[in-house]
């Protein structure tokens, strides 16, 4: 970021006027990185949910797969759905 070049060397000591502006910029940078990480996690979970739903929605798979495998995939579906809800909730809290 270009703004980093303008950070005063004493900005973090709390004795300059630039302190609040720099801290605000750093907080925005951290917030942006959190949003990016959550969006990547959301994309990953969407792919996993599509995969699991595809398997469980495939009648041929369900009819041939062992019951243990079907239960495993249902557990994954529940886990990924819960994780997706948490990611969406965190994104909403961050203003996304």
PDB file of N, CA and C in Angstrom:
ATOM      1  N   UNK A   1       0.819  -1.186   0.000  1.00  0.00           N
ATOM      2  CA  UNK A   1       0.000   0.000   0.000  1.00  0.00           C
ATOM      3  C   UNK A   1       0.861   1.248   0.000  1.00  0.00           C
ATOM      4  N   UNK A   2       0.426   2.229  -0.719  1.00  0.00           N
ATOM      5  CA  UNK A   2       1.169   3.476  -0.844  1.00  0.00           C
ATOM      6  C   UNK A   2       1.184   4.233   0.476  1.00  0.00           C
ATOM      7  N   UNK A   3       0.120   4.145   1.253  1.00  0.00           N
ATOM      8  CA  UNK A   3       0.002   4.906   2.489  1.00  0.00           C
ATOM      9  C   UNK A   3       1.079   4.558   3.512  1.00  0.00           C
ATOM     10  N   UNK A   4       1.640   3.392   3.427  1.00  0.00           N
ATOM     11  CA  UNK A   4       2.654   2.975   4.388  1.00  0.00           C
ATOM     12  C   UNK A   4       3.857   3.914   4.361  1.00  0.00           C
ATOM     13  N   UNK A   5       4.168   4.454   3.205  1.00  0.00           N
ATOM     14  CA  UNK A   5       5.298   5.363   3.088  1.00  0.00           C
ATOM     15  C   UNK A   5       5.085   6.644   3.883  1.00  0.00           C
ATOM     16  N   UNK A   6       3.841   6.986   4.171  1.00  0.00           N
ATOM     17  CA  UNK A   6       3.543   8.220   4.876  1.00  0.00           C
ATOM     18  C   UNK A   6       3.415   8.049   6.387  1.00  0.00           C
ATOM     19  N   UNK A   7       3.567   6.840   6.882  1.00  0.00           N
ATOM     20  CA  UNK A   7       3.469   6.614   8.323  1.00  0.00           C
ATOM     21  C   UNK A   7       4.694   7.216   9.008  1.00  0.00           C
ATOM     22  N   UNK A   8       4.457   8.052   9.949  1.00  0.00           N
ATOM     23  CA  UNK A   8       5.530   8.703  10.692  1.00  0.00           C
ATOM     24  C   UNK A   8       6.227   7.686  11.576  1.00  0.00           C
ATOM     25  N   UNK A   9       7.541   7.765  11.714  1.00  0.00           N
ATOM     26  CA  UNK A   9       8.282   6.757  12.470  1.00  0.00           C
ATOM     27  C   UNK A   9       7.918   6.738  13.944  1.00  0.00           C
ATOM     28  N   UNK A  10       7.325   7.799  14.470  1.00  0.00           N
ATOM     29  CA  UNK A  10       6.916   7.832  15.870  1.00  0.00           C
ATOM     30  C   UNK A  10       5.423   7.535  16.039  1.00  0.00           C
ATOM     31  N   UNK A  11       4.772   7.150  14.965  1.00  0.00           N
ATOM     32  CA  UNK A  11       3.320   6.976  15.002  1.00  0.00           C
ATOM     33  C   UNK A  11       2.879   5.945  16.021  1.00  0.00           C
ATOM     34  N   UNK A  12       3.675   4.954  16.264  1.00  0.00           N
ATOM     35  CA  UNK A  12       3.274   3.897  17.184  1.00  0.00           C
ATOM     36  C   UNK A  12       3.678   4.177  18.618  1.00  0.00           C
ATOM     37  N   UNK A  13       4.390   5.266  18.867  1.00  0.00           N
ATOM     38  CA  UNK A  13       4.798   5.582  20.233  1.00  0.00           C
ATOM     39  C   UNK A  13       3.714   6.342  20.986  1.00  0.00           C
ATOM     40  N   UNK A  14       2.722   6.834  20.269  1.00  0.00           N
ATOM     41  CA  UNK A  14       1.616   7.537  20.913  1.00  0.00           C
ATOM     42  C   UNK A  14       1.914   9.004  21.168  1.00  0.00           C
ATOM     43  N   UNK A  15       3.008   9.544  20.611  1.00  0.00           N
ATOM     44  CA  UNK A  15       3.351  10.929  20.905  1.00  0.00           C
ATOM     45  C   UNK A  15       3.189  11.857  19.709  1.00  0.00           C
ATOM     46  N   UNK A  16       2.712  11.339  18.601  1.00  0.00           N
ATOM     47  CA  UNK A  16       2.526  12.208  17.437  1.00  0.00           C
ATOM     48  C   UNK A  16       1.053  12.317  17.083  1.00  0.00           C
ATOM     49  N   UNK A  17       0.729  13.303  16.287  1.00  0.00           N
ATOM     50  CA  UNK A  17      -0.646  13.491  15.832  1.00  0.00           C
ATOM     51  C   UNK A  17      -1.033  12.442  14.793  1.00  0.00           C
ATOM     52  N   UNK A  18      -0.052  11.824  14.142  1.00  0.00           N
ATOM     53  CA  UNK A  18      -0.327  10.835  13.106  1.00  0.00           C
ATOM     54  C   UNK A  18      -0.796   9.502  13.681  1.00  0.00           C
ATOM     55  N   UNK A  19      -0.678   9.361  14.961  1.00  0.00           N
ATOM     56  CA  UNK A  19      -0.961   8.075  15.604  1.00  0.00           C
ATOM     57  C   UNK A  19      -2.351   7.545  15.254  1.00  0.00           C
ATOM     58  N   UNK A  20      -3.378   8.343  15.419  1.00  0.00           N
ATOM     59  CA  UNK A  20      -4.734   7.847  15.211  1.00  0.00           C
ATOM     60  C   UNK A  20      -4.993   7.504  13.749  1.00  0.00           C
ATOM     61  N   UNK A  21      -4.467   8.263  12.837  1.00  0.00           N
ATOM     62  CA  UNK A  21      -4.638   7.970  11.418  1.00  0.00           C
ATOM     63  C   UNK A  21      -3.968   6.666  11.031  1.00  0.00           C
ATOM     64  N   UNK A  22      -2.780   6.428  11.557  1.00  0.00           N
ATOM     65  CA  UNK A  22      -2.047   5.202  11.235  1.00  0.00           C
ATOM     66  C   UNK A  22      -2.734   3.985  11.834  1.00  0.00           C
ATOM     67  N   UNK A  23      -3.166   4.116  13.060  1.00  0.00           N
ATOM     68  CA  UNK A  23      -3.851   2.996  13.704  1.00  0.00           C
ATOM     69  C   UNK A  23      -5.136   2.687  12.957  1.00  0.00           C
ATOM     70  N   UNK A  24      -5.848   3.720  12.534  1.00  0.00           N
ATOM     71  CA  UNK A  24      -7.069   3.515  11.758  1.00  0.00           C
ATOM     72  C   UNK A  24      -6.788   2.803  10.451  1.00  0.00           C
ATOM     73  N   UNK A  25      -5.700   3.180   9.789  1.00  0.00           N
ATOM     74  CA  UNK A  25      -5.319   2.540   8.540  1.00  0.00           C
ATOM     75  C   UNK A  25      -4.966   1.079   8.773  1.00  0.00           C
ATOM     76  N   UNK A  26      -4.243   0.826   9.837  1.00  0.00           N
ATOM     77  CA  UNK A  26      -3.848  -0.549  10.143  1.00  0.00           C
ATOM     78  C   UNK A  26      -5.080  -1.395  10.468  1.00  0.00           C
ATOM     79  N   UNK A  27      -6.021  -0.833  11.211  1.00  0.00           N
ATOM     80  CA  UNK A  27      -7.252  -1.563  11.520  1.00  0.00           C
ATOM     81  C   UNK A  27      -8.031  -1.870  10.246  1.00  0.00           C
ATOM     82  N   UNK A  28      -8.085  -0.921   9.328  1.00  0.00           N
ATOM     83  CA  UNK A  28      -8.766  -1.160   8.058  1.00  0.00           C
ATOM     84  C   UNK A  28      -8.075  -2.251   7.260  1.00  0.00           C
ATOM     85  N   UNK A  29      -6.756  -2.244   7.299  1.00  0.00           N
ATOM     86  CA  UNK A  29      -5.990  -3.264   6.595  1.00  0.00           C
ATOM     87  C   UNK A  29      -6.265  -4.650   7.181  1.00  0.00           C
ATOM     88  N   UNK A  30      -6.300  -4.747   8.502  1.00  0.00           N
ATOM     89  CA  UNK A  30      -6.589  -6.022   9.165  1.00  0.00           C
ATOM     90  C   UNK A  30      -8.016  -6.458   8.848  1.00  0.00           C
ATOM     91  N   UNK A  31      -8.945  -5.530   8.874  1.00  0.00           N
ATOM     92  CA  UNK A  31     -10.343  -5.825   8.558  1.00  0.00           C
ATOM     93  C   UNK A  31     -10.471  -6.348   7.131  1.00  0.00           C
ATOM     94  N   UNK A  32      -9.763  -5.713   6.202  1.00  0.00           N
ATOM     95  CA  UNK A  32      -9.791  -6.134   4.804  1.00  0.00           C
ATOM     96  C   UNK A  32      -9.257  -7.557   4.670  1.00  0.00           C
ATOM     97  N   UNK A  33      -8.169  -7.862   5.370  1.00  0.00           N
ATOM     98  CA  UNK A  33      -7.586  -9.207   5.306  1.00  0.00           C
ATOM     99  C   UNK A  33      -8.529 -10.243   5.901  1.00  0.00           C
ATOM    100  N   UNK A  34      -9.221  -9.895   6.980  1.00  0.00           N
ATOM    101  CA  UNK A  34     -10.195 -10.812   7.578  1.00  0.00           C
ATOM    102  C   UNK A  34     -11.321 -11.103   6.595  1.00  0.00           C
ATOM    103  N   UNK A  35     -11.812 -10.053   5.930  1.00  0.00           N
ATOM    104  CA  UNK A  35     -12.888 -10.235   4.959  1.00  0.00           C
ATOM    105  C   UNK A  35     -12.433 -11.129   3.805  1.00  0.00           C
ATOM    106  N   UNK A  36     -11.211 -10.904   3.325  1.00  0.00           N
ATOM    107  CA  UNK A  36     -10.679 -11.726   2.242  1.00  0.00           C
ATOM    108  C   UNK A  36     -10.599 -13.192   2.655  1.00  0.00           C
ATOM    109  N   UNK A  37     -10.093 -13.437   3.865  1.00  0.00           N
ATOM    110  CA  UNK A  37      -9.955 -14.802   4.363  1.00  0.00           C
ATOM    111  C   UNK A  37     -11.321 -15.464   4.491  1.00  0.00           C
ATOM    112  N   UNK A  38     -12.296 -14.722   5.007  1.00  0.00           N
ATOM    113  CA  UNK A  38     -13.637 -15.271   5.156  1.00  0.00           C
ATOM    114  C   UNK A  38     -14.304 -15.538   3.806  1.00  0.00           C
ATOM    115  N   UNK A  39     -14.068 -14.677   2.832  1.00  0.00           N
ATOM    116  CA  UNK A  39     -14.635 -14.892   1.504  1.00  0.00           C
ATOM    117  C   UNK A  39     -14.035 -16.135   0.848  1.00  0.00           C
ATOM    118  N   UNK A  40     -12.737 -16.347   1.046  1.00  0.00           N
ATOM    119  CA  UNK A  40     -12.100 -17.562   0.518  1.00  0.00           C
ATOM    120  C   UNK A  40     -12.671 -18.799   1.191  1.00  0.00           C
ATOM    121  N   UNK A  41     -12.886 -18.718   2.488  1.00  0.00           N
ATOM    122  CA  UNK A  41     -13.475 -19.835   3.223  1.00  0.00           C
ATOM    123  C   UNK A  41     -14.900 -20.097   2.746  1.00  0.00           C
ATOM    124  N   UNK A  42     -15.636 -19.021   2.477  1.00  0.00           N
ATOM    125  CA  UNK A  42     -16.997 -19.154   1.966  1.00  0.00           C
ATOM    126  C   UNK A  42     -16.998 -19.864   0.611  1.00  0.00           C
ATOM    127  N   UNK A  43     -16.067 -19.499  -0.264  1.00  0.00           N
ATOM    128  CA  UNK A  43     -15.960 -20.142  -1.579  1.00  0.00           C
ATOM    129  C   UNK A  43     -15.630 -21.625  -1.431  1.00  0.00           C
ATOM    130  N   UNK A  44     -14.710 -21.934  -0.537  1.00  0.00           N
ATOM    131  CA  UNK A  44     -14.318 -23.325  -0.316  1.00  0.00           C
ATOM    132  C   UNK A  44     -15.507 -24.138   0.198  1.00  0.00           C
ATOM    133  N   UNK A  45     -16.235 -23.575   1.140  1.00  0.00           N
ATOM    134  CA  UNK A  45     -17.390 -24.272   1.697  1.00  0.00           C
ATOM    135  C   UNK A  45     -18.500 -24.449   0.672  1.00  0.00           C
ATOM    136  N   UNK A  46     -18.678 -23.462  -0.204  1.00  0.00           N
ATOM    137  CA  UNK A  46     -19.686 -23.599  -1.264  1.00  0.00           C
ATOM    138  C   UNK A  46     -19.351 -24.780  -2.164  1.00  0.00           C
ATOM    139  N   UNK A  47     -18.070 -24.937  -2.487  1.00  0.00           N
ATOM    140  CA  UNK A  47     -17.643 -26.067  -3.324  1.00  0.00           C
ATOM    141  C   UNK A  47     -17.861 -27.389  -2.602  1.00  0.00           C
ATOM    142  N   UNK A  48     -17.509 -27.435  -1.320  1.00  0.00           N
ATOM    143  CA  UNK A  48     -17.703 -28.665  -0.548  1.00  0.00           C
ATOM    144  C   UNK A  48     -19.183 -29.017  -0.414  1.00  0.00           C
ATOM    145  N   UNK A  49     -20.007 -28.006  -0.171  1.00  0.00           N
ATOM    146  CA  UNK A  49     -21.453 -28.251  -0.061  1.00  0.00           C
ATOM    147  C   UNK A  49     -22.028 -28.749  -1.388  1.00  0.00           C
ATOM    148  N   UNK A  50     -21.564 -28.184  -2.490  1.00  0.00           N
ATOM    149  CA  UNK A  50     -22.029 -28.625  -3.804  1.00  0.00           C
ATOM    150  C   UNK A  50     -21.613 -30.075  -4.046  1.00  0.00           C
ATOM    151  N   UNK A  51     -20.404 -30.416  -3.647  1.00  0.00           N
ATOM    152  CA  UNK A  51     -19.908 -31.786  -3.826  1.00  0.00           C
ATOM    153  C   UNK A  51     -20.735 -32.772  -3.003  1.00  0.00           C
ATOM    154  N   UNK A  52     -20.922 -32.457  -1.717  1.00  0.00           N
ATOM    155  CA  UNK A  52     -21.666 -33.356  -0.841  1.00  0.00           C
ATOM    156  C   UNK A  52     -23.118 -33.467  -1.282  1.00  0.00           C
ATOM    157  N   UNK A  53     -23.741 -32.342  -1.621  1.00  0.00           N
ATOM    158  CA  UNK A  53     -25.130 -32.378  -2.095  1.00  0.00           C
ATOM    159  C   UNK A  53     -25.245 -33.168  -3.395  1.00  0.00           C
ATOM    160  N   UNK A  54     -24.228 -33.051  -4.242  1.00  0.00           N
ATOM    161  CA  UNK A  54     -24.222 -33.818  -5.484  1.00  0.00           C
ATOM    162  C   UNK A  54     -24.170 -35.317  -5.215  1.00  0.00           C
ATOM    163  N   UNK A  55     -23.324 -35.707  -4.269  1.00  0.00           N
ATOM    164  CA  UNK A  55     -23.219 -37.128  -3.941  1.00  0.00           C
ATOM    165  C   UNK A  55     -24.520 -37.651  -3.337  1.00  0.00           C
ATOM    166  N   UNK A  56     -25.042 -36.919  -2.370  1.00  0.00           N
ATOM    167  CA  UNK A  56     -26.263 -37.371  -1.693  1.00  0.00           C
ATOM    168  C   UNK A  56     -27.493 -37.273  -2.591  1.00  0.00           C
ATOM    169  N   UNK A  57     -27.438 -36.405  -3.578  1.00  0.00           N
ATOM    170  CA  UNK A  57     -28.546 -36.264  -4.523  1.00  0.00           C
ATOM    171  C   UNK A  57     -28.480 -37.260  -5.664  1.00  0.00           C
ATOM    172  N   UNK A  58     -27.384 -37.978  -5.771  1.00  0.00           N
ATOM    173  CA  UNK A  58     -27.200 -38.962  -6.826  1.00  0.00           C
ATOM    174  C   UNK A  58     -27.800 -40.300  -6.370  1.00  0.00           C
ATOM    175  N   UNK A  59     -28.921 -40.670  -6.937  1.00  0.00           N
ATOM    176  CA  UNK A  59     -29.610 -41.898  -6.534  1.00  0.00           C
ATOM    177  C   UNK A  59     -28.738 -43.133  -6.725  1.00  0.00           C
ATOM    178  N   UNK A  60     -27.949 -43.114  -7.763  1.00  0.00           N
ATOM    179  CA  UNK A  60     -27.078 -44.271  -8.034  1.00  0.00           C
ATOM    180  C   UNK A  60     -26.041 -44.433  -6.928  1.00  0.00           C
ATOM    181  N   UNK A  61     -25.458 -43.315  -6.502  1.00  0.00           N
ATOM    182  CA  UNK A  61     -24.480 -43.370  -5.407  1.00  0.00           C
ATOM    183  C   UNK A  61     -25.141 -43.867  -4.127  1.00  0.00           C
ATOM    184  N   UNK A  62     -26.287 -43.285  -3.796  1.00  0.00           N
ATOM    185  CA  UNK A  62     -26.982 -43.631  -2.550  1.00  0.00           C
ATOM    186  C   UNK A  62     -27.390 -45.103  -2.543  1.00  0.00           C
ATOM    187  N   UNK A  63     -27.807 -45.629  -3.690  1.00  0.00           N
ATOM    188  CA  UNK A  63     -28.253 -47.025  -3.735  1.00  0.00           C
ATOM    189  C   UNK A  63     -27.086 -48.012  -3.639  1.00  0.00           C
ATOM    190  N   UNK A  64     -25.893 -47.602  -4.075  1.00  0.00           N
ATOM    191  CA  UNK A  64     -24.756 -48.526  -4.103  1.00  0.00           C
ATOM    192  C   UNK A  64     -23.770 -48.341  -2.950  1.00  0.00           C
ATOM    193  N   UNK A  65     -23.752 -47.171  -2.363  1.00  0.00           N
ATOM    194  CA  UNK A  65     -22.757 -46.875  -1.325  1.00  0.00           C
ATOM    195  C   UNK A  65     -23.112 -47.564  -0.008  1.00  0.00           C
ATOM    196  N   UNK A  66     -22.076 -47.927   0.749  1.00  0.00           N
ATOM    197  CA  UNK A  66     -22.344 -48.496   2.077  1.00  0.00           C
ATOM    198  C   UNK A  66     -23.010 -47.444   2.972  1.00  0.00           C
ATOM    199  N   UNK A  67     -23.816 -47.901   3.893  1.00  0.00           N
ATOM    200  CA  UNK A  67     -24.542 -46.998   4.796  1.00  0.00           C
ATOM    201  C   UNK A  67     -23.582 -46.092   5.563  1.00  0.00           C
ATOM    202  N   UNK A  68     -22.419 -46.630   5.934  1.00  0.00           N
ATOM    203  CA  UNK A  68     -21.433 -45.838   6.683  1.00  0.00           C
ATOM    204  C   UNK A  68     -20.959 -44.637   5.862  1.00  0.00           C
ATOM    205  N   UNK A  69     -20.747 -44.836   4.570  1.00  0.00           N
ATOM    206  CA  UNK A  69     -20.313 -43.745   3.689  1.00  0.00           C
ATOM    207  C   UNK A  69     -21.403 -42.688   3.551  1.00  0.00           C
ATOM    208  N   UNK A  70     -22.635 -43.124   3.441  1.00  0.00           N
ATOM    209  CA  UNK A  70     -23.751 -42.182   3.336  1.00  0.00           C
ATOM    210  C   UNK A  70     -23.870 -41.357   4.617  1.00  0.00           C
ATOM    211  N   UNK A  71     -23.753 -42.015   5.754  1.00  0.00           N
ATOM    212  CA  UNK A  71     -23.818 -41.304   7.032  1.00  0.00           C
ATOM    213  C   UNK A  71     -22.645 -40.328   7.177  1.00  0.00           C
ATOM    214  N   UNK A  72     -21.485 -40.740   6.694  1.00  0.00           N
ATOM    215  CA  UNK A  72     -20.301 -39.858   6.732  1.00  0.00           C
ATOM    216  C   UNK A  72     -20.544 -38.595   5.906  1.00  0.00           C
ATOM    217  N   UNK A  73     -21.120 -38.769   4.722  1.00  0.00           N
ATOM    218  CA  UNK A  73     -21.401 -37.620   3.858  1.00  0.00           C
ATOM    219  C   UNK A  73     -22.496 -36.732   4.450  1.00  0.00           C
ATOM    220  N   UNK A  74     -23.474 -37.326   5.100  1.00  0.00           N
ATOM    221  CA  UNK A  74     -24.515 -36.529   5.763  1.00  0.00           C
ATOM    222  C   UNK A  74     -23.926 -35.720   6.919  1.00  0.00           C
ATOM    223  N   UNK A  75     -22.973 -36.322   7.633  1.00  0.00           N
ATOM    224  CA  UNK A  75     -22.300 -35.606   8.727  1.00  0.00           C
ATOM    225  C   UNK A  75     -21.488 -34.443   8.166  1.00  0.00           C
ATOM    226  N   UNK A  76     -20.829 -34.669   7.028  1.00  0.00           N
ATOM    227  CA  UNK A  76     -20.074 -33.591   6.383  1.00  0.00           C
ATOM    228  C   UNK A  76     -21.012 -32.464   5.962  1.00  0.00           C
ATOM    229  N   UNK A  77     -22.160 -32.838   5.418  1.00  0.00           N
ATOM    230  CA  UNK A  77     -23.141 -31.833   4.997  1.00  0.00           C
ATOM    231  C   UNK A  77     -23.564 -30.970   6.174  1.00  0.00           C
ATOM    232  N   UNK A  78     -23.839 -31.597   7.284  1.00  0.00           N
ATOM    233  CA  UNK A  78     -24.241 -30.851   8.478  1.00  0.00           C
ATOM    234  C   UNK A  78     -23.105 -29.944   8.969  1.00  0.00           C
ATOM    235  N   UNK A  79     -21.892 -30.494   8.986  1.00  0.00           N
ATOM    236  CA  UNK A  79     -20.728 -29.722   9.447  1.00  0.00           C
ATOM    237  C   UNK A  79     -20.471 -28.522   8.537  1.00  0.00           C
ATOM    238  N   UNK A  80     -20.466 -28.755   7.225  1.00  0.00           N
ATOM    239  CA  UNK A  80     -20.198 -27.665   6.283  1.00  0.00           C
ATOM    240  C   UNK A  80     -21.299 -26.605   6.312  1.00  0.00           C
ATOM    241  N   UNK A  81     -22.536 -27.037   6.502  1.00  0.00           N
ATOM    242  CA  UNK A  81     -23.647 -26.084   6.594  1.00  0.00           C
ATOM    243  C   UNK A  81     -23.480 -25.200   7.821  1.00  0.00           C
ATOM    244  N   UNK A  82     -23.114 -25.802   8.929  1.00  0.00           N
ATOM    245  CA  UNK A  82     -22.882 -25.046  10.160  1.00  0.00           C
ATOM    246  C   UNK A  82     -21.709 -24.073   9.991  1.00  0.00           C
ATOM    247  N   UNK A  83     -20.635 -24.541   9.375  1.00  0.00           N
ATOM    248  CA  UNK A  83     -19.478 -23.675   9.144  1.00  0.00           C
ATOM    249  C   UNK A  83     -19.842 -22.515   8.226  1.00  0.00           C
ATOM    250  N   UNK A  84     -20.637 -22.787   7.188  1.00  0.00           N
ATOM    251  CA  UNK A  84     -21.050 -21.743   6.246  1.00  0.00           C
ATOM    252  C   UNK A  84     -21.885 -20.683   6.960  1.00  0.00           C
ATOM    253  N   UNK A  85     -22.780 -21.127   7.831  1.00  0.00           N
ATOM    254  CA  UNK A  85     -23.587 -20.167   8.589  1.00  0.00           C
ATOM    255  C   UNK A  85     -22.702 -19.284   9.466  1.00  0.00           C
ATOM    256  N   UNK A  86     -21.685 -19.859  10.072  1.00  0.00           N
ATOM    257  CA  UNK A  86     -20.768 -19.080  10.910  1.00  0.00           C
ATOM    258  C   UNK A  86     -19.983 -18.072  10.079  1.00  0.00           C
ATOM    259  N   UNK A  87     -19.509 -18.487   8.911  1.00  0.00           N
ATOM    260  CA  UNK A  87     -18.761 -17.580   8.031  1.00  0.00           C
ATOM    261  C   UNK A  87     -19.657 -16.432   7.570  1.00  0.00           C
ATOM    262  N   UNK A  88     -20.886 -16.736   7.182  1.00  0.00           N
ATOM    263  CA  UNK A  88     -21.813 -15.687   6.746  1.00  0.00           C
ATOM    264  C   UNK A  88     -22.122 -14.722   7.886  1.00  0.00           C
ATOM    265  N   UNK A  89     -22.252 -15.264   9.083  1.00  0.00           N
ATOM    266  CA  UNK A  89     -22.519 -14.414  10.244  1.00  0.00           C
ATOM    267  C   UNK A  89     -21.345 -13.477  10.513  1.00  0.00           C
ATOM    268  N   UNK A  90     -20.125 -14.005  10.428  1.00  0.00           N
ATOM    269  CA  UNK A  90     -18.940 -13.164  10.640  1.00  0.00           C
ATOM    270  C   UNK A  90     -18.800 -12.099   9.557  1.00  0.00           C
ATOM    271  N   UNK A  91     -19.095 -12.474   8.319  1.00  0.00           N
ATOM    272  CA  UNK A  91     -19.049 -11.486   7.231  1.00  0.00           C
ATOM    273  C   UNK A  91     -20.085 -10.393   7.452  1.00  0.00           C
ATOM    274  N   UNK A  92     -21.259 -10.764   7.922  1.00  0.00           N
ATOM    275  CA  UNK A  92     -22.296  -9.763   8.200  1.00  0.00           C
ATOM    276  C   UNK A  92     -21.859  -8.830   9.316  1.00  0.00           C
ATOM    277  N   UNK A  93     -21.182  -9.366  10.328  1.00  0.00           N
ATOM    278  CA  UNK A  93     -20.679  -8.538  11.419  1.00  0.00           C
ATOM    279  C   UNK A  93     -19.621  -7.546  10.943  1.00  0.00           C
ATOM    280  N   UNK A  94     -18.843  -7.967   9.925  1.00  0.00           N
ATOM    281  CA  UNK A  94     -17.798  -7.091   9.397  1.00  0.00           C
ATOM    282  C   UNK A  94     -18.336  -6.134   8.344  1.00  0.00           C
ATOM    283  N   UNK A  95     -19.618  -6.216   8.079  1.00  0.00           N
ATOM    284  CA  UNK A  95     -20.226  -5.265   7.149  1.00  0.00           C
ATOM    285  C   UNK A  95     -20.180  -5.693   5.721  1.00  0.00           C
ATOM    286  N   UNK A  96     -20.183  -6.972   5.490  1.00  0.00           N
ATOM    287  CA  UNK A  96     -20.138  -7.496   4.113  1.00  0.00           C
ATOM    288  C   UNK A  96     -21.491  -7.987   3.716  1.00  0.00           C
TER     289      UNK A  96
END
